[in-house]
Amino acid sequence: CKVQLRAHGEVYGCRAQLSGDDLHIELDAPAAG
């Protein structure tokens, strides 16, 4: 899927999965800040 990490921020391709109560997100390209 895609993920946005701040309001009006860049959108990144990613892979996401729930593990227990936590969401793990692996980005397709590095994000800063």
PDB file of all heavy atoms in Angstrom:
ATOM      1  N   CYS A   1       0.853  -1.188   0.000  1.00  0.00           N
ATOM      2  CA  CYS A   1       0.000   0.000   0.000  1.00  0.00           C
ATOM      3  C   CYS A   1       0.888   1.236   0.000  1.00  0.00           C
ATOM      4  O   CYS A   1       2.068   1.157  -0.323  1.00  0.00           O
ATOM      5  CB  CYS A   1      -0.946  -0.007   1.207  1.00  0.00           C
ATOM      6  SG  CYS A   1      -0.107  -0.147   2.803  1.00  0.00           S
ATOM      7  N   LYS A   2       0.323   2.372   0.352  1.00  0.00           N
ATOM      8  CA  LYS A   2       1.090   3.608   0.476  1.00  0.00           C
ATOM      9  C   LYS A   2       0.870   4.180   1.871  1.00  0.00           C
ATOM     10  O   LYS A   2      -0.161   3.902   2.504  1.00  0.00           O
ATOM     11  CB  LYS A   2       0.689   4.618  -0.600  1.00  0.00           C
ATOM     12  CG  LYS A   2       1.015   4.156  -2.020  1.00  0.00           C
ATOM     13  CD  LYS A   2       0.707   5.234  -3.046  1.00  0.00           C
ATOM     14  CE  LYS A   2       1.005   4.748  -4.459  1.00  0.00           C
ATOM     15  NZ  LYS A   2       2.437   4.425  -4.636  1.00  0.00           N
ATOM     16  N   VAL A   3       1.825   4.977   2.343  1.00  0.00           N
ATOM     17  CA  VAL A   3       1.706   5.558   3.670  1.00  0.00           C
ATOM     18  C   VAL A   3       2.101   7.027   3.638  1.00  0.00           C
ATOM     19  O   VAL A   3       3.043   7.420   2.962  1.00  0.00           O
ATOM     20  CB  VAL A   3       2.576   4.794   4.703  1.00  0.00           C
ATOM     21  CG1 VAL A   3       4.062   4.899   4.373  1.00  0.00           C
ATOM     22  CG2 VAL A   3       2.298   5.282   6.118  1.00  0.00           C
ATOM     23  N   GLN A   4       1.335   7.833   4.352  1.00  0.00           N
ATOM     24  CA  GLN A   4       1.653   9.248   4.546  1.00  0.00           C
ATOM     25  C   GLN A   4       2.029   9.426   6.009  1.00  0.00           C
ATOM     26  O   GLN A   4       1.301   8.972   6.904  1.00  0.00           O
ATOM     27  CB  GLN A   4       0.449  10.126   4.177  1.00  0.00           C
ATOM     28  CG  GLN A   4       0.738  11.622   4.215  1.00  0.00           C
ATOM     29  CD  GLN A   4      -0.411  12.444   3.634  1.00  0.00           C
ATOM     30  OE1 GLN A   4      -1.129  11.980   2.743  1.00  0.00           O
ATOM     31  NE2 GLN A   4      -0.581  13.646   4.144  1.00  0.00           N
ATOM     32  N   LEU A   5       3.158  10.109   6.269  1.00  0.00           N
ATOM     33  CA  LEU A   5       3.739  10.146   7.603  1.00  0.00           C
ATOM     34  C   LEU A   5       3.608  11.495   8.296  1.00  0.00           C
ATOM     35  O   LEU A   5       4.001  11.636   9.448  1.00  0.00           O
ATOM     36  CB  LEU A   5       5.214   9.743   7.529  1.00  0.00           C
ATOM     37  CG  LEU A   5       5.459   8.355   6.917  1.00  0.00           C
ATOM     38  CD1 LEU A   5       6.951   8.120   6.725  1.00  0.00           C
ATOM     39  CD2 LEU A   5       4.855   7.268   7.802  1.00  0.00           C
ATOM     40  N   ARG A   6       3.089  12.484   7.606  1.00  0.00           N
ATOM     41  CA  ARG A   6       2.804  13.780   8.221  1.00  0.00           C
ATOM     42  C   ARG A   6       1.768  14.495   7.356  1.00  0.00           C
ATOM     43  O   ARG A   6       1.583  14.158   6.183  1.00  0.00           O
ATOM     44  CB  ARG A   6       4.058  14.636   8.381  1.00  0.00           C
ATOM     45  CG  ARG A   6       4.734  15.016   7.087  1.00  0.00           C
ATOM     46  CD  ARG A   6       5.886  15.982   7.337  1.00  0.00           C
ATOM     47  NE  ARG A   6       6.940  15.396   8.133  1.00  0.00           N
ATOM     48  CZ  ARG A   6       7.973  14.722   7.616  1.00  0.00           C
ATOM     49  NH1 ARG A   6       8.049  14.534   6.305  1.00  0.00           N
ATOM     50  NH2 ARG A   6       8.900  14.228   8.387  1.00  0.00           N
ATOM     51  N   ALA A   7       1.095  15.470   7.931  1.00  0.00           N
ATOM     52  CA  ALA A   7       0.091  16.219   7.179  1.00  0.00           C
ATOM     53  C   ALA A   7       0.753  16.898   5.988  1.00  0.00           C
ATOM     54  O   ALA A   7       1.777  17.565   6.128  1.00  0.00           O
ATOM     55  CB  ALA A   7      -0.581  17.249   8.083  1.00  0.00           C
ATOM     56  N   HIS A   8       0.174  16.723   4.824  1.00  0.00           N
ATOM     57  CA  HIS A   8       0.674  17.305   3.577  1.00  0.00           C
ATOM     58  C   HIS A   8       2.092  16.831   3.251  1.00  0.00           C
ATOM     59  O   HIS A   8       2.814  17.479   2.494  1.00  0.00           O
ATOM     60  CB  HIS A   8       0.626  18.836   3.625  1.00  0.00           C
ATOM     61  CG  HIS A   8      -0.714  19.371   4.002  1.00  0.00           C
ATOM     62  ND1 HIS A   8      -1.831  19.181   3.219  1.00  0.00           N
ATOM     63  CD2 HIS A   8      -1.124  20.065   5.095  1.00  0.00           C
ATOM     64  CE1 HIS A   8      -2.874  19.736   3.807  1.00  0.00           C
ATOM     65  NE2 HIS A   8      -2.478  20.271   4.945  1.00  0.00           N
ATOM     66  N   GLY A   9       2.490  15.701   3.828  1.00  0.00           N
ATOM     67  CA  GLY A   9       3.817  15.161   3.573  1.00  0.00           C
ATOM     68  C   GLY A   9       3.832  14.237   2.370  1.00  0.00           C
ATOM     69  O   GLY A   9       2.802  13.921   1.765  1.00  0.00           O
ATOM     70  N   GLU A  10       5.033  13.795   2.046  1.00  0.00           N
ATOM     71  CA  GLU A  10       5.220  12.889   0.916  1.00  0.00           C
ATOM     72  C   GLU A  10       4.549  11.541   1.198  1.00  0.00           C
ATOM     73  O   GLU A  10       4.424  11.112   2.355  1.00  0.00           O
ATOM     74  CB  GLU A  10       6.719  12.698   0.682  1.00  0.00           C
ATOM     75  CG  GLU A  10       7.067  11.908  -0.561  1.00  0.00           C
ATOM     76  CD  GLU A  10       8.567  11.837  -0.809  1.00  0.00           C
ATOM     77  OE1 GLU A  10       9.312  12.586  -0.145  1.00  0.00           O
ATOM     78  OE2 GLU A  10       8.985  11.030  -1.657  1.00  0.00           O
ATOM     79  N   VAL A  11       4.135  10.879   0.147  1.00  0.00           N
ATOM     80  CA  VAL A  11       3.522   9.559   0.254  1.00  0.00           C
ATOM     81  C   VAL A  11       4.537   8.515  -0.223  1.00  0.00           C
ATOM     82  O   VAL A  11       5.175   8.682  -1.267  1.00  0.00           O
ATOM     83  CB  VAL A  11       2.228   9.483  -0.584  1.00  0.00           C
ATOM     84  CG1 VAL A  11       1.647   8.076  -0.541  1.00  0.00           C
ATOM     85  CG2 VAL A  11       1.214  10.499  -0.071  1.00  0.00           C
ATOM     86  N   TYR A  12       4.688   7.449   0.545  1.00  0.00           N
ATOM     87  CA  TYR A  12       5.679   6.417   0.248  1.00  0.00           C
ATOM     88  C   TYR A  12       5.001   5.077  -0.031  1.00  0.00           C
ATOM     89  O   TYR A  12       4.032   4.713   0.645  1.00  0.00           O
ATOM     90  CB  TYR A  12       6.634   6.229   1.438  1.00  0.00           C
ATOM     91  CG  TYR A  12       7.443   7.453   1.783  1.00  0.00           C
ATOM     92  CD1 TYR A  12       6.926   8.432   2.636  1.00  0.00           C
ATOM     93  CD2 TYR A  12       8.718   7.633   1.269  1.00  0.00           C
ATOM     94  CE1 TYR A  12       7.662   9.561   2.965  1.00  0.00           C
ATOM     95  CE2 TYR A  12       9.467   8.763   1.593  1.00  0.00           C
ATOM     96  CZ  TYR A  12       8.936   9.719   2.437  1.00  0.00           C
ATOM     97  OH  TYR A  12       9.668  10.833   2.750  1.00  0.00           O
ATOM     98  N   GLY A  13       5.534   4.359  -0.991  1.00  0.00           N
ATOM     99  CA  GLY A  13       5.130   2.971  -1.166  1.00  0.00           C
ATOM    100  C   GLY A  13       5.635   2.163   0.010  1.00  0.00           C
ATOM    101  O   GLY A  13       6.714   2.436   0.552  1.00  0.00           O
ATOM    102  N   CYS A  14       4.878   1.150   0.424  1.00  0.00           N
ATOM    103  CA  CYS A  14       5.295   0.377   1.595  1.00  0.00           C
ATOM    104  C   CYS A  14       4.624  -0.983   1.616  1.00  0.00           C
ATOM    105  O   CYS A  14       3.733  -1.279   0.814  1.00  0.00           O
ATOM    106  CB  CYS A  14       4.968   1.133   2.885  1.00  0.00           C
ATOM    107  SG  CYS A  14       3.192   1.244   3.236  1.00  0.00           S
ATOM    108  N   ARG A  15       5.070  -1.781   2.581  1.00  0.00           N
ATOM    109  CA  ARG A  15       4.414  -3.038   2.928  1.00  0.00           C
ATOM    110  C   ARG A  15       4.067  -2.966   4.402  1.00  0.00           C
ATOM    111  O   ARG A  15       4.919  -2.596   5.222  1.00  0.00           O
ATOM    112  CB  ARG A  15       5.355  -4.218   2.649  1.00  0.00           C
ATOM    113  CG  ARG A  15       5.535  -4.513   1.148  1.00  0.00           C
ATOM    114  CD  ARG A  15       6.902  -5.067   0.833  1.00  0.00           C
ATOM    115  NE  ARG A  15       7.944  -4.061   0.971  1.00  0.00           N
ATOM    116  CZ  ARG A  15       9.051  -4.235   1.675  1.00  0.00           C
ATOM    117  NH1 ARG A  15       9.259  -5.367   2.332  1.00  0.00           N
ATOM    118  NH2 ARG A  15       9.959  -3.275   1.748  1.00  0.00           N
ATOM    119  N   ALA A  16       2.837  -3.262   4.737  1.00  0.00           N
ATOM    120  CA  ALA A  16       2.349  -3.100   6.102  1.00  0.00           C
ATOM    121  C   ALA A  16       1.754  -4.402   6.616  1.00  0.00           C
ATOM    122  O   ALA A  16       1.149  -5.169   5.858  1.00  0.00           O
ATOM    123  CB  ALA A  16       1.303  -1.991   6.163  1.00  0.00           C
ATOM    124  N   GLN A  17       1.926  -4.622   7.926  1.00  0.00           N
ATOM    125  CA  GLN A  17       1.408  -5.842   8.535  1.00  0.00           C
ATOM    126  C   GLN A  17       1.216  -5.638  10.028  1.00  0.00           C
ATOM    127  O   GLN A  17       2.038  -5.013  10.698  1.00  0.00           O
ATOM    128  CB  GLN A  17       2.382  -7.007   8.308  1.00  0.00           C
ATOM    129  CG  GLN A  17       1.914  -8.328   8.875  1.00  0.00           C
ATOM    130  CD  GLN A  17       2.896  -9.458   8.566  1.00  0.00           C
ATOM    131  OE1 GLN A  17       3.929  -9.232   7.934  1.00  0.00           O
ATOM    132  NE2 GLN A  17       2.575 -10.666   9.003  1.00  0.00           N
ATOM    133  N   LEU A  18       0.101  -6.152  10.551  1.00  0.00           N
ATOM    134  CA  LEU A  18      -0.142  -6.135  11.985  1.00  0.00           C
ATOM    135  C   LEU A  18       0.563  -7.307  12.638  1.00  0.00           C
ATOM    136  O   LEU A  18       0.484  -8.442  12.162  1.00  0.00           O
ATOM    137  CB  LEU A  18      -1.635  -6.232  12.276  1.00  0.00           C
ATOM    138  CG  LEU A  18      -2.429  -4.947  12.472  1.00  0.00           C
ATOM    139  CD1 LEU A  18      -3.888  -5.294  12.707  1.00  0.00           C
ATOM    140  CD2 LEU A  18      -1.892  -4.128  13.629  1.00  0.00           C
ATOM    141  N   SER A  19       1.243  -7.025  13.736  1.00  0.00           N
ATOM    142  CA  SER A  19       1.857  -8.071  14.543  1.00  0.00           C
ATOM    143  C   SER A  19       1.472  -7.798  15.985  1.00  0.00           C
ATOM    144  O   SER A  19       1.958  -6.837  16.587  1.00  0.00           O
ATOM    145  CB  SER A  19       3.380  -8.062  14.371  1.00  0.00           C
ATOM    146  OG  SER A  19       3.973  -9.052  15.186  1.00  0.00           O
ATOM    147  N   GLY A  20       0.577  -8.614  16.520  1.00  0.00           N
ATOM    148  CA  GLY A  20       0.006  -8.311  17.825  1.00  0.00           C
ATOM    149  C   GLY A  20      -0.807  -7.035  17.728  1.00  0.00           C
ATOM    150  O   GLY A  20      -1.686  -6.914  16.862  1.00  0.00           O
ATOM    151  N   ASP A  21      -0.503  -6.045  18.573  1.00  0.00           N
ATOM    152  CA  ASP A  21      -1.215  -4.771  18.539  1.00  0.00           C
ATOM    153  C   ASP A  21      -0.428  -3.697  17.809  1.00  0.00           C
ATOM    154  O   ASP A  21      -0.840  -2.531  17.795  1.00  0.00           O
ATOM    155  CB  ASP A  21      -1.507  -4.291  19.968  1.00  0.00           C
ATOM    156  CG  ASP A  21      -2.498  -5.195  20.683  1.00  0.00           C
ATOM    157  OD1 ASP A  21      -3.365  -5.781  20.000  1.00  0.00           O
ATOM    158  OD2 ASP A  21      -2.395  -5.322  21.917  1.00  0.00           O
ATOM    159  N   ASP A  22       0.714  -4.055  17.225  1.00  0.00           N
ATOM    160  CA  ASP A  22       1.565  -3.079  16.553  1.00  0.00           C
ATOM    161  C   ASP A  22       1.484  -3.215  15.039  1.00  0.00           C
ATOM    162  O   ASP A  22       1.344  -4.324  14.508  1.00  0.00           O
ATOM    163  CB  ASP A  22       3.026  -3.244  16.980  1.00  0.00           C
ATOM    164  CG  ASP A  22       3.248  -2.886  18.438  1.00  0.00           C
ATOM    165  OD1 ASP A  22       2.419  -2.132  18.988  1.00  0.00           O
ATOM    166  OD2 ASP A  22       4.242  -3.355  19.016  1.00  0.00           O
ATOM    167  N   LEU A  23       1.582  -2.075  14.369  1.00  0.00           N
ATOM    168  CA  LEU A  23       1.625  -2.054  12.917  1.00  0.00           C
ATOM    169  C   LEU A  23       3.079  -1.889  12.474  1.00  0.00           C
ATOM    170  O   LEU A  23       3.756  -0.945  12.890  1.00  0.00           O
ATOM    171  CB  LEU A  23       0.783  -0.899  12.375  1.00  0.00           C
ATOM    172  CG  LEU A  23       0.796  -0.690  10.858  1.00  0.00           C
ATOM    173  CD1 LEU A  23       0.172  -1.878  10.147  1.00  0.00           C
ATOM    174  CD2 LEU A  23       0.090   0.607  10.487  1.00  0.00           C
ATOM    175  N   HIS A  24       3.556  -2.810  11.650  1.00  0.00           N
ATOM    176  CA  HIS A  24       4.921  -2.749  11.128  1.00  0.00           C
ATOM    177  C   HIS A  24       4.862  -2.316   9.664  1.00  0.00           C
ATOM    178  O   HIS A  24       4.147  -2.915   8.862  1.00  0.00           O
ATOM    179  CB  HIS A  24       5.607  -4.106  11.264  1.00  0.00           C
ATOM    180  CG  HIS A  24       5.865  -4.502  12.691  1.00  0.00           C
ATOM    181  ND1 HIS A  24       7.099  -4.369  13.294  1.00  0.00           N
ATOM    182  CD2 HIS A  24       5.034  -4.990  13.638  1.00  0.00           C
ATOM    183  CE1 HIS A  24       7.021  -4.778  14.546  1.00  0.00           C
ATOM    184  NE2 HIS A  24       5.768  -5.156  14.783  1.00  0.00           N
ATOM    185  N   ILE A  25       5.619  -1.268   9.357  1.00  0.00           N
ATOM    186  CA  ILE A  25       5.620  -0.695   8.011  1.00  0.00           C
ATOM    187  C   ILE A  25       7.040  -0.714   7.468  1.00  0.00           C
ATOM    188  O   ILE A  25       7.955  -0.180   8.096  1.00  0.00           O
ATOM    189  CB  ILE A  25       5.098   0.756   8.035  1.00  0.00           C
ATOM    190  CG1 ILE A  25       3.679   0.821   8.636  1.00  0.00           C
ATOM    191  CG2 ILE A  25       5.114   1.364   6.634  1.00  0.00           C
ATOM    192  CD1 ILE A  25       3.207   2.234   8.929  1.00  0.00           C
ATOM    193  N   GLU A  26       7.219  -1.334   6.315  1.00  0.00           N
ATOM    194  CA  GLU A  26       8.515  -1.350   5.636  1.00  0.00           C
ATOM    195  C   GLU A  26       8.392  -0.479   4.388  1.00  0.00           C
ATOM    196  O   GLU A  26       7.570  -0.756   3.498  1.00  0.00           O
ATOM    197  CB  GLU A  26       8.920  -2.773   5.247  1.00  0.00           C
ATOM    198  CG  GLU A  26       9.070  -3.724   6.431  1.00  0.00           C
ATOM    199  CD  GLU A  26      10.189  -3.297   7.377  1.00  0.00           C
ATOM    200  OE1 GLU A  26      11.205  -2.744   6.884  1.00  0.00           O
ATOM    201  OE2 GLU A  26      10.033  -3.510   8.596  1.00  0.00           O
ATOM    202  N   LEU A  27       9.173   0.593   4.334  1.00  0.00           N
ATOM    203  CA  LEU A  27       9.093   1.542   3.231  1.00  0.00           C
ATOM    204  C   LEU A  27       9.861   1.033   2.011  1.00  0.00           C
ATOM    205  O   LEU A  27      10.932   0.415   2.144  1.00  0.00           O
ATOM    206  CB  LEU A  27       9.659   2.894   3.659  1.00  0.00           C
ATOM    207  CG  LEU A  27       9.006   3.564   4.877  1.00  0.00           C
ATOM    208  CD1 LEU A  27       9.713   4.870   5.186  1.00  0.00           C
ATOM    209  CD2 LEU A  27       7.524   3.803   4.627  1.00  0.00           C
ATOM    210  N   ASP A  28       9.332   1.322   0.830  1.00  0.00           N
ATOM    211  CA  ASP A  28      10.024   0.947  -0.407  1.00  0.00           C
ATOM    212  C   ASP A  28      11.227   1.847  -0.673  1.00  0.00           C
ATOM    213  O   ASP A  28      12.160   1.447  -1.371  1.00  0.00           O
ATOM    214  CB  ASP A  28       9.053   1.022  -1.591  1.00  0.00           C
ATOM    215  CG  ASP A  28       7.921   0.014  -1.474  1.00  0.00           C
ATOM    216  OD1 ASP A  28       8.062  -0.945  -0.689  1.00  0.00           O
ATOM    217  OD2 ASP A  28       6.890   0.198  -2.162  1.00  0.00           O
ATOM    218  N   ALA A  29      11.194   3.056  -0.142  1.00  0.00           N
ATOM    219  CA  ALA A  29      12.301   4.006  -0.281  1.00  0.00           C
ATOM    220  C   ALA A  29      12.469   4.728   1.047  1.00  0.00           C
ATOM    221  O   ALA A  29      11.492   4.934   1.773  1.00  0.00           O
ATOM    222  CB  ALA A  29      12.030   5.009  -1.402  1.00  0.00           C
ATOM    223  N   PRO A  30      13.680   5.126   1.400  1.00  0.00           N
ATOM    224  CA  PRO A  30      13.907   5.756   2.704  1.00  0.00           C
ATOM    225  C   PRO A  30      13.137   7.070   2.856  1.00  0.00           C
ATOM    226  O   PRO A  30      12.977   7.836   1.906  1.00  0.00           O
ATOM    227  CB  PRO A  30      15.421   6.012   2.725  1.00  0.00           C
ATOM    228  CG  PRO A  30      15.983   5.076   1.717  1.00  0.00           C
ATOM    229  CD  PRO A  30      14.940   4.943   0.655  1.00  0.00           C
ATOM    230  N   ALA A  31      12.694   7.316   4.078  1.00  0.00           N
ATOM    231  CA  ALA A  31      12.050   8.578   4.433  1.00  0.00           C
ATOM    232  C   ALA A  31      12.904   9.268   5.488  1.00  0.00           C
ATOM    233  O   ALA A  31      13.554   8.604   6.309  1.00  0.00           O
ATOM    234  CB  ALA A  31      10.652   8.341   4.975  1.00  0.00           C
ATOM    235  N   ALA A  32      12.907  10.583   5.491  1.00  0.00           N
ATOM    236  CA  ALA A  32      13.702  11.345   6.448  1.00  0.00           C
ATOM    237  C   ALA A  32      12.803  12.106   7.409  1.00  0.00           C
ATOM    238  O   ALA A  32      11.694  12.524   7.046  1.00  0.00           O
ATOM    239  CB  ALA A  32      14.634  12.314   5.725  1.00  0.00           C
ATOM    240  N   GLY A  33      13.277  12.293   8.634  1.00  0.00           N
ATOM    241  CA  GLY A  33      12.543  13.107   9.594  1.00  0.00           C
ATOM    242  C   GLY A  33      11.278  12.467  10.109  1.00  0.00           C
ATOM    243  O   GLY A  33      10.309  13.164  10.413  1.00  0.00           O
TER     244      GLY A  33
END
